[in-house]
PDB file of N, CA and C in Angstrom:
ATOM      1  N   MET A   1      59.755  -2.950 -29.320  1.00  0.00           N
ATOM      2  CA  MET A   1      60.722  -4.016 -29.424  1.00  0.00           C
ATOM      3  C   MET A   1      60.045  -5.201 -30.120  1.00  0.00           C
ATOM      4  N   PRO A   2      60.677  -5.802 -31.104  1.00  0.00           N
ATOM      5  CA  PRO A   2      60.080  -6.952 -31.797  1.00  0.00           C
ATOM      6  C   PRO A   2      59.930  -8.151 -30.867  1.00  0.00           C
ATOM      7  N   GLU A   3      58.921  -8.929 -31.133  1.00  0.00           N
ATOM      8  CA  GLU A   3      58.645 -10.116 -30.324  1.00  0.00           C
ATOM      9  C   GLU A   3      58.956 -11.372 -31.131  1.00  0.00           C
ATOM     10  N   THR A   4      59.655 -12.317 -30.508  1.00  0.00           N
ATOM     11  CA  THR A   4      59.949 -13.610 -31.116  1.00  0.00           C
ATOM     12  C   THR A   4      59.219 -14.680 -30.327  1.00  0.00           C
ATOM     13  N   VAL A   5      58.388 -15.458 -30.975  1.00  0.00           N
ATOM     14  CA  VAL A   5      57.659 -16.530 -30.292  1.00  0.00           C
ATOM     15  C   VAL A   5      58.606 -17.723 -30.146  1.00  0.00           C
ATOM     16  N   LEU A   6      58.894 -18.097 -28.907  1.00  0.00           N
ATOM     17  CA  LEU A   6      59.795 -19.217 -28.625  1.00  0.00           C
ATOM     18  C   LEU A   6      59.063 -20.548 -28.585  1.00  0.00           C
ATOM     19  N   PHE A   7      57.768 -20.511 -28.256  1.00  0.00           N
ATOM     20  CA  PHE A   7      56.967 -21.724 -28.147  1.00  0.00           C
ATOM     21  C   PHE A   7      55.506 -21.329 -28.226  1.00  0.00           C
ATOM     22  N   SER A   8      54.714 -22.127 -28.902  1.00  0.00           N
ATOM     23  CA  SER A   8      53.285 -21.859 -28.979  1.00  0.00           C
ATOM     24  C   SER A   8      52.544 -23.169 -29.229  1.00  0.00           C
ATOM     25  N   THR A   9      51.470 -23.357 -28.520  1.00  0.00           N
ATOM     26  CA  THR A   9      50.605 -24.513 -28.758  1.00  0.00           C
ATOM     27  C   THR A   9      49.193 -24.135 -28.336  1.00  0.00           C
ATOM     28  N   GLU A  10      48.219 -24.739 -28.952  1.00  0.00           N
ATOM     29  CA  GLU A  10      46.819 -24.503 -28.593  1.00  0.00           C
ATOM     30  C   GLU A  10      46.052 -25.792 -28.803  1.00  0.00           C
ATOM     31  N   SER A  11      45.270 -26.171 -27.810  1.00  0.00           N
ATOM     32  CA  SER A  11      44.447 -27.378 -27.925  1.00  0.00           C
ATOM     33  C   SER A  11      43.232 -27.236 -27.017  1.00  0.00           C
ATOM     34  N   ARG A  12      42.208 -27.986 -27.323  1.00  0.00           N
ATOM     35  CA  ARG A  12      41.017 -28.002 -26.464  1.00  0.00           C
ATOM     36  C   ARG A  12      41.279 -28.990 -25.339  1.00  0.00           C
ATOM     37  N   GLU A  13      41.087 -28.546 -24.116  1.00  0.00           N
ATOM     38  CA  GLU A  13      41.346 -29.361 -22.933  1.00  0.00           C
ATOM     39  C   GLU A  13      40.188 -29.208 -21.949  1.00  0.00           C
ATOM     40  N   SER A  14      40.010 -30.195 -21.097  1.00  0.00           N
ATOM     41  CA  SER A  14      39.002 -30.083 -20.040  1.00  0.00           C
ATOM     42  C   SER A  14      39.488 -29.089 -18.988  1.00  0.00           C
ATOM     43  N   ARG A  15      38.562 -28.566 -18.214  1.00  0.00           N
ATOM     44  CA  ARG A  15      38.929 -27.650 -17.130  1.00  0.00           C
ATOM     45  C   ARG A  15      39.918 -28.318 -16.188  1.00  0.00           C
ATOM     46  N   ARG A  16      39.715 -29.591 -15.914  1.00  0.00           N
ATOM     47  CA  ARG A  16      40.600 -30.336 -15.004  1.00  0.00           C
ATOM     48  C   ARG A  16      42.018 -30.408 -15.579  1.00  0.00           C
ATOM     49  N   ALA A  17      42.148 -30.684 -16.888  1.00  0.00           N
ATOM     50  CA  ALA A  17      43.470 -30.762 -17.517  1.00  0.00           C
ATOM     51  C   ALA A  17      44.169 -29.410 -17.478  1.00  0.00           C
ATOM     52  N   VAL A  18      43.419 -28.331 -17.732  1.00  0.00           N
ATOM     53  CA  VAL A  18      44.001 -26.990 -17.671  1.00  0.00           C
ATOM     54  C   VAL A  18      44.480 -26.708 -16.247  1.00  0.00           C
ATOM     55  N   ALA A  19      43.687 -27.068 -15.258  1.00  0.00           N
ATOM     56  CA  ALA A  19      44.078 -26.873 -13.858  1.00  0.00           C
ATOM     57  C   ALA A  19      45.360 -27.644 -13.549  1.00  0.00           C
ATOM     58  N   ASP A  20      45.490 -28.849 -14.086  1.00  0.00           N
ATOM     59  CA  ASP A  20      46.713 -29.639 -13.881  1.00  0.00           C
ATOM     60  C   ASP A  20      47.926 -28.939 -14.476  1.00  0.00           C
ATOM     61  N   TYR A  21      47.789 -28.382 -15.695  1.00  0.00           N
ATOM     62  CA  TYR A  21      48.893 -27.639 -16.321  1.00  0.00           C
ATOM     63  C   TYR A  21      49.278 -26.431 -15.474  1.00  0.00           C
ATOM     64  N   LEU A  22      48.269 -25.648 -15.055  1.00  0.00           N
ATOM     65  CA  LEU A  22      48.539 -24.460 -14.253  1.00  0.00           C
ATOM     66  C   LEU A  22      49.169 -24.826 -12.910  1.00  0.00           C
ATOM     67  N   ARG A  23      48.711 -25.922 -12.310  1.00  0.00           N
ATOM     68  CA  ARG A  23      49.258 -26.386 -11.038  1.00  0.00           C
ATOM     69  C   ARG A  23      50.728 -26.784 -11.195  1.00  0.00           C
ATOM     70  N   ALA A  24      51.061 -27.433 -12.316  1.00  0.00           N
ATOM     71  CA  ALA A  24      52.450 -27.834 -12.569  1.00  0.00           C
ATOM     72  C   ALA A  24      53.345 -26.596 -12.698  1.00  0.00           C
ATOM     73  N   VAL A  25      52.855 -25.569 -13.389  1.00  0.00           N
ATOM     74  CA  VAL A  25      53.617 -24.322 -13.510  1.00  0.00           C
ATOM     75  C   VAL A  25      53.753 -23.670 -12.135  1.00  0.00           C
ATOM     76  N   ALA A  26      52.678 -23.636 -11.370  1.00  0.00           N
ATOM     77  CA  ALA A  26      52.712 -23.041 -10.033  1.00  0.00           C
ATOM     78  C   ALA A  26      53.714 -23.765  -9.136  1.00  0.00           C
ATOM     79  N   ASP A  27      53.745 -25.079  -9.210  1.00  0.00           N
ATOM     80  CA  ASP A  27      54.694 -25.854  -8.399  1.00  0.00           C
ATOM     81  C   ASP A  27      56.138 -25.523  -8.774  1.00  0.00           C
ATOM     82  N   LYS A  28      56.414 -25.379 -10.074  1.00  0.00           N
ATOM     83  CA  LYS A  28      57.764 -25.023 -10.526  1.00  0.00           C
ATOM     84  C   LYS A  28      58.135 -23.624 -10.031  1.00  0.00           C
ATOM     85  N   LEU A  29      57.216 -22.670 -10.143  1.00  0.00           N
ATOM     86  CA  LEU A  29      57.472 -21.314  -9.661  1.00  0.00           C
ATOM     87  C   LEU A  29      57.728 -21.310  -8.162  1.00  0.00           C
ATOM     88  N   ASP A  30      56.886 -22.014  -7.432  1.00  0.00           N
ATOM     89  CA  ASP A  30      56.999 -22.070  -5.977  1.00  0.00           C
ATOM     90  C   ASP A  30      58.319 -22.706  -5.547  1.00  0.00           C
ATOM     91  N   GLY A  31      58.790 -23.691  -6.311  1.00  0.00           N
ATOM     92  CA  GLY A  31      60.030 -24.386  -5.983  1.00  0.00           C
ATOM     93  C   GLY A  31      61.278 -23.703  -6.532  1.00  0.00           C
ATOM     94  N   GLY A  32      61.112 -22.591  -7.260  1.00  0.00           N
ATOM     95  CA  GLY A  32      62.262 -21.896  -7.828  1.00  0.00           C
ATOM     96  C   GLY A  32      62.931 -22.671  -8.953  1.00  0.00           C
ATOM     97  N   GLU A  33      62.175 -23.551  -9.605  1.00  0.00           N
ATOM     98  CA  GLU A  33      62.723 -24.396 -10.668  1.00  0.00           C
ATOM     99  C   GLU A  33      62.410 -23.821 -12.048  1.00  0.00           C
ATOM    100  N   PRO A  34      63.236 -24.159 -13.059  1.00  0.00           N
ATOM    101  CA  PRO A  34      62.921 -23.766 -14.431  1.00  0.00           C
ATOM    102  C   PRO A  34      61.622 -24.423 -14.899  1.00  0.00           C
ATOM    103  N   ILE A  35      60.983 -23.808 -15.867  1.00  0.00           N
ATOM    104  CA  ILE A  35      59.731 -24.325 -16.439  1.00  0.00           C
ATOM    105  C   ILE A  35      60.019 -24.765 -17.865  1.00  0.00           C
ATOM    106  N   THR A  36      59.713 -26.017 -18.183  1.00  0.00           N
ATOM    107  CA  THR A  36      59.878 -26.507 -19.549  1.00  0.00           C
ATOM    108  C   THR A  36      58.506 -26.682 -20.168  1.00  0.00           C
ATOM    109  N   LEU A  37      58.304 -26.041 -21.316  1.00  0.00           N
ATOM    110  CA  LEU A  37      57.078 -26.178 -22.096  1.00  0.00           C
ATOM    111  C   LEU A  37      57.406 -27.103 -23.261  1.00  0.00           C
ATOM    112  N   ALA A  38      56.600 -28.134 -23.471  1.00  0.00           N
ATOM    113  CA  ALA A  38      56.898 -29.096 -24.538  1.00  0.00           C
ATOM    114  C   ALA A  38      55.611 -29.583 -25.180  1.00  0.00           C
ATOM    115  N   ALA A  39      55.664 -29.749 -26.502  1.00  0.00           N
ATOM    116  CA  ALA A  39      54.563 -30.331 -27.280  1.00  0.00           C
ATOM    117  C   ALA A  39      55.200 -30.930 -28.530  1.00  0.00           C
ATOM    118  N   GLY A  40      55.024 -32.230 -28.718  1.00  0.00           N
ATOM    119  CA  GLY A  40      55.633 -32.889 -29.863  1.00  0.00           C
ATOM    120  C   GLY A  40      57.143 -32.791 -29.780  1.00  0.00           C
ATOM    121  N   ASP A  41      57.791 -32.378 -30.863  1.00  0.00           N
ATOM    122  CA  ASP A  41      59.250 -32.253 -30.866  1.00  0.00           C
ATOM    123  C   ASP A  41      59.714 -30.831 -30.547  1.00  0.00           C
ATOM    124  N   GLU A  42      58.799 -29.994 -30.101  1.00  0.00           N
ATOM    125  CA  GLU A  42      59.088 -28.602 -29.781  1.00  0.00           C
ATOM    126  C   GLU A  42      59.154 -28.427 -28.266  1.00  0.00           C
ATOM    127  N   SER A  43      60.159 -27.718 -27.756  1.00  0.00           N
ATOM    128  CA  SER A  43      60.206 -27.418 -26.325  1.00  0.00           C
ATOM    129  C   SER A  43      61.057 -26.184 -26.067  1.00  0.00           C
ATOM    130  N   VAL A  44      60.812 -25.553 -24.931  1.00  0.00           N
ATOM    131  CA  VAL A  44      61.612 -24.417 -24.472  1.00  0.00           C
ATOM    132  C   VAL A  44      61.621 -24.463 -22.946  1.00  0.00           C
ATOM    133  N   THR A  45      62.774 -24.146 -22.364  1.00  0.00           N
ATOM    134  CA  THR A  45      62.903 -24.080 -20.915  1.00  0.00           C
ATOM    135  C   THR A  45      63.202 -22.640 -20.521  1.00  0.00           C
ATOM    136  N   LEU A  46      62.429 -22.138 -19.581  1.00  0.00           N
ATOM    137  CA  LEU A  46      62.574 -20.768 -19.086  1.00  0.00           C
ATOM    138  C   LEU A  46      62.803 -20.817 -17.579  1.00  0.00           C
ATOM    139  N   ASP A  47      63.630 -19.915 -17.083  1.00  0.00           N
ATOM    140  CA  ASP A  47      63.946 -19.879 -15.656  1.00  0.00           C
ATOM    141  C   ASP A  47      63.647 -18.488 -15.108  1.00  0.00           C
ATOM    142  N   PRO A  48      62.381 -18.242 -14.718  1.00  0.00           N
ATOM    143  CA  PRO A  48      62.013 -16.914 -14.228  1.00  0.00           C
ATOM    144  C   PRO A  48      62.767 -16.573 -12.938  1.00  0.00           C
ATOM    145  N   PRO A  49      63.125 -15.302 -12.762  1.00  0.00           N
ATOM    146  CA  PRO A  49      63.760 -14.879 -11.511  1.00  0.00           C
ATOM    147  C   PRO A  49      62.742 -14.887 -10.371  1.00  0.00           C
ATOM    148  N   GLY A  50      63.188 -14.563  -9.186  1.00  0.00           N
ATOM    149  CA  GLY A  50      62.323 -14.586  -8.009  1.00  0.00           C
ATOM    150  C   GLY A  50      61.176 -13.592  -8.043  1.00  0.00           C
ATOM    151  N   THR A  51      61.337 -12.510  -8.794  1.00  0.00           N
ATOM    152  CA  THR A  51      60.285 -11.500  -8.928  1.00  0.00           C
ATOM    153  C   THR A  51      60.027 -11.258 -10.407  1.00  0.00           C
ATOM    154  N   VAL A  52      58.764 -11.336 -10.803  1.00  0.00           N
ATOM    155  CA  VAL A  52      58.360 -11.135 -12.196  1.00  0.00           C
ATOM    156  C   VAL A  52      57.159 -10.194 -12.235  1.00  0.00           C
ATOM    157  N   ALA A  53      56.909  -9.599 -13.393  1.00  0.00           N
ATOM    158  CA  ALA A  53      55.664  -8.864 -13.604  1.00  0.00           C
ATOM    159  C   ALA A  53      54.599  -9.906 -13.928  1.00  0.00           C
ATOM    160  N   PHE A  54      53.439  -9.805 -13.299  1.00  0.00           N
ATOM    161  CA  PHE A  54      52.352 -10.778 -13.484  1.00  0.00           C
ATOM    162  C   PHE A  54      51.117 -10.033 -13.955  1.00  0.00           C
ATOM    163  N   GLU A  55      50.616 -10.411 -15.126  1.00  0.00           N
ATOM    164  CA  GLU A  55      49.450  -9.756 -15.721  1.00  0.00           C
ATOM    165  C   GLU A  55      48.332 -10.779 -15.899  1.00  0.00           C
ATOM    166  N   VAL A  56      47.141 -10.397 -15.514  1.00  0.00           N
ATOM    167  CA  VAL A  56      45.951 -11.212 -15.740  1.00  0.00           C
ATOM    168  C   VAL A  56      44.995 -10.363 -16.565  1.00  0.00           C
ATOM    169  N   LYS A  57      44.480 -10.951 -17.642  1.00  0.00           N
ATOM    170  CA  LYS A  57      43.621 -10.195 -18.546  1.00  0.00           C
ATOM    171  C   LYS A  57      42.430 -11.069 -18.951  1.00  0.00           C
ATOM    172  N   ALA A  58      41.233 -10.501 -18.902  1.00  0.00           N
ATOM    173  CA  ALA A  58      40.025 -11.147 -19.419  1.00  0.00           C
ATOM    174  C   ALA A  58      39.575 -10.343 -20.634  1.00  0.00           C
ATOM    175  N   GLU A  59      39.286 -11.046 -21.735  1.00  0.00           N
ATOM    176  CA  GLU A  59      38.943 -10.376 -22.980  1.00  0.00           C
ATOM    177  C   GLU A  59      37.686 -10.971 -23.606  1.00  0.00           C
ATOM    178  N   ARG A  60      37.011 -10.134 -24.390  1.00  0.00           N
ATOM    179  CA  ARG A  60      35.913 -10.584 -25.245  1.00  0.00           C
ATOM    180  C   ARG A  60      36.256 -10.151 -26.655  1.00  0.00           C
ATOM    181  N   GLU A  61      36.366 -11.113 -27.565  1.00  0.00           N
ATOM    182  CA  GLU A  61      36.634 -10.810 -28.968  1.00  0.00           C
ATOM    183  C   GLU A  61      35.338 -10.963 -29.744  1.00  0.00           C
ATOM    184  N   THR A  62      35.012  -9.935 -30.510  1.00  0.00           N
ATOM    185  CA  THR A  62      33.791  -9.981 -31.314  1.00  0.00           C
ATOM    186  C   THR A  62      34.176  -9.840 -32.778  1.00  0.00           C
ATOM    187  N   GLY A  63      33.356 -10.368 -33.618  1.00  0.00           N
ATOM    188  CA  GLY A  63      33.604 -10.305 -35.054  1.00  0.00           C
ATOM    189  C   GLY A  63      32.409 -10.859 -35.787  1.00  0.00           C
ATOM    190  N   SER A  64      32.670 -11.591 -36.841  1.00  0.00           N
ATOM    191  CA  SER A  64      31.578 -12.112 -37.665  1.00  0.00           C
ATOM    192  C   SER A  64      30.850 -13.286 -37.013  1.00  0.00           C
ATOM    193  N   GLY A  65      31.515 -14.023 -36.126  1.00  0.00           N
ATOM    194  CA  GLY A  65      30.889 -15.178 -35.471  1.00  0.00           C
ATOM    195  C   GLY A  65      30.503 -14.831 -34.050  1.00  0.00           C
ATOM    196  N   PRO A  66      30.252 -15.859 -33.249  1.00  0.00           N
ATOM    197  CA  PRO A  66      29.907 -15.613 -31.849  1.00  0.00           C
ATOM    198  C   PRO A  66      31.102 -15.027 -31.098  1.00  0.00           C
ATOM    199  N   ALA A  67      30.816 -14.234 -30.071  1.00  0.00           N
ATOM    200  CA  ALA A  67      31.877 -13.632 -29.260  1.00  0.00           C
ATOM    201  C   ALA A  67      32.696 -14.739 -28.593  1.00  0.00           C
ATOM    202  N   GLU A  68      33.990 -14.500 -28.473  1.00  0.00           N
ATOM    203  CA  GLU A  68      34.884 -15.458 -27.828  1.00  0.00           C
ATOM    204  C   GLU A  68      35.459 -14.812 -26.578  1.00  0.00           C
ATOM    205  N   LEU A  69      35.360 -15.498 -25.442  1.00  0.00           N
ATOM    206  CA  LEU A  69      35.903 -15.004 -24.178  1.00  0.00           C
ATOM    207  C   LEU A  69      37.213 -15.717 -23.886  1.00  0.00           C
ATOM    208  N   SER A  70      38.132 -14.994 -23.236  1.00  0.00           N
ATOM    209  CA  SER A  70      39.403 -15.625 -22.875  1.00  0.00           C
ATOM    210  C   SER A  70      39.940 -15.025 -21.580  1.00  0.00           C
ATOM    211  N   VAL A  71      40.773 -15.811 -20.907  1.00  0.00           N
ATOM    212  CA  VAL A  71      41.532 -15.363 -19.742  1.00  0.00           C
ATOM    213  C   VAL A  71      42.994 -15.645 -20.059  1.00  0.00           C
ATOM    214  N   GLU A  72      43.832 -14.627 -19.891  1.00  0.00           N
ATOM    215  CA  GLU A  72      45.262 -14.778 -20.165  1.00  0.00           C
ATOM    216  C   GLU A  72      46.050 -14.500 -18.889  1.00  0.00           C
ATOM    217  N   PHE A  73      47.044 -15.338 -18.640  1.00  0.00           N
ATOM    218  CA  PHE A  73      47.972 -15.155 -17.522  1.00  0.00           C
ATOM    219  C   PHE A  73      49.357 -14.975 -18.136  1.00  0.00           C
ATOM    220  N   GLU A  74      50.058 -13.916 -17.767  1.00  0.00           N
ATOM    221  CA  GLU A  74      51.371 -13.656 -18.357  1.00  0.00           C
ATOM    222  C   GLU A  74      52.383 -13.304 -17.276  1.00  0.00           C
ATOM    223  N   LEU A  75      53.531 -13.959 -17.333  1.00  0.00           N
ATOM    224  CA  LEU A  75      54.678 -13.628 -16.492  1.00  0.00           C
ATOM    225  C   LEU A  75      55.688 -12.945 -17.400  1.00  0.00           C
ATOM    226  N   GLU A  76      56.294 -11.871 -16.934  1.00  0.00           N
ATOM    227  CA  GLU A  76      57.255 -11.157 -17.768  1.00  0.00           C
ATOM    228  C   GLU A  76      58.436 -10.712 -16.916  1.00  0.00           C
ATOM    229  N   TRP A  77      59.652 -10.852 -17.492  1.00  0.00           N
ATOM    230  CA  TRP A  77      60.862 -10.410 -16.821  1.00  0.00           C
ATOM    231  C   TRP A  77      61.906 -10.072 -17.869  1.00  0.00           C
ATOM    232  N   ASP A  78      62.905  -9.308 -17.453  1.00  0.00           N
ATOM    233  CA  ASP A  78      63.987  -8.929 -18.357  1.00  0.00           C
ATOM    234  C   ASP A  78      64.946 -10.099 -18.508  1.00  0.00           C
ATOM    235  N   GLU A  79      65.275 -10.430 -19.744  1.00  0.00           N
ATOM    236  CA  GLU A  79      66.197 -11.521 -20.022  1.00  0.00           C
ATOM    237  C   GLU A  79      67.584 -11.180 -19.484  1.00  0.00           C
ATOM    238  N   GLY A  80      68.204 -12.165 -18.861  1.00  0.00           N
ATOM    239  CA  GLY A  80      69.565 -11.989 -18.363  1.00  0.00           C
ATOM    240  C   GLY A  80      69.663 -11.288 -17.030  1.00  0.00           C
ATOM    241  N   VAL A  81      68.538 -10.930 -16.426  1.00  0.00           N
ATOM    242  CA  VAL A  81      68.557 -10.277 -15.124  1.00  0.00           C
ATOM    243  C   VAL A  81      68.131 -11.290 -14.076  1.00  0.00           C
ATOM    244  N   SER A  82      69.016 -11.577 -13.142  1.00  0.00           N
ATOM    245  CA  SER A  82      68.672 -12.517 -12.072  1.00  0.00           C
ATOM    246  C   SER A  82      68.029 -11.743 -10.932  1.00  0.00           C
ATOM    247  N   GLU A  83      67.532 -12.477  -9.962  1.00  0.00           N
ATOM    248  CA  GLU A  83      66.898 -11.847  -8.808  1.00  0.00           C
ATOM    249  C   GLU A  83      67.887 -10.927  -8.106  1.00  0.00           C
ATOM    250  N   ASP A  84      69.149 -11.338  -8.007  1.00  0.00           N
ATOM    251  CA  ASP A  84      70.159 -10.524  -7.344  1.00  0.00           C
ATOM    252  C   ASP A  84      70.407  -9.224  -8.103  1.00  0.00           C
ATOM    253  N   ASP A  85      70.355  -9.265  -9.444  1.00  0.00           N
ATOM    254  CA  ASP A  85      70.594  -8.076 -10.249  1.00  0.00           C
ATOM    255  C   ASP A  85      69.531  -7.014 -10.017  1.00  0.00           C
ATOM    256  N   ALA A  86      68.325  -7.425  -9.639  1.00  0.00           N
ATOM    257  CA  ALA A  86      67.211  -6.489  -9.509  1.00  0.00           C
ATOM    258  C   ALA A  86      67.142  -5.837  -8.130  1.00  0.00           C
ATOM    259  N   SER A  87      67.981  -6.255  -7.190  1.00  0.00           N
ATOM    260  CA  SER A  87      67.890  -5.693  -5.837  1.00  0.00           C
ATOM    261  C   SER A  87      68.582  -4.342  -5.768  1.00  0.00           C
ATOM    262  N   LEU A  88      68.144  -3.543  -4.822  1.00  0.00           N
ATOM    263  CA  LEU A  88      68.701  -2.210  -4.621  1.00  0.00           C
ATOM    264  C   LEU A  88      70.032  -2.318  -3.904  1.00  0.00           C
ATOM    265  N   GLU A  89      70.986  -1.530  -4.363  1.00  0.00           N
ATOM    266  CA  GLU A  89      72.298  -1.495  -3.705  1.00  0.00           C
ATOM    267  C   GLU A  89      72.684  -0.039  -3.536  1.00  0.00           C
ATOM    268  N   ILE A  90      73.054   0.340  -2.325  1.00  0.00           N
ATOM    269  CA  ILE A  90      73.498   1.711  -2.043  1.00  0.00           C
ATOM    270  C   ILE A  90      74.958   1.645  -1.688  1.00  0.00           C
ATOM    271  N   ARG A  91      75.772   2.464  -2.384  1.00  0.00           N
ATOM    272  CA  ARG A  91      77.230   2.475  -2.114  1.00  0.00           C
ATOM    273  C   ARG A  91      77.647   3.781  -1.528  1.00  0.00           C
TER     274      ARG A  91
END
């Protein structure tokens, strides 16, 4: 399935600033609220359902320069499916 990037930004931040961003996302998830990502004049609001697929990945990229390490956190869910739609129903 083709992928469309709805929002993307990258900047160098202190560990404390990154923790603040992650904490803000965690608070929104915990409160069942939509998450708005914004940078400059670009923004997108996403409303994850109550249950999502959660992936954590650590990578090492090697090439012509020094190796680069990264940690990625990804939430994934089917668009248009609410928490109620995903529950089991027996008739």
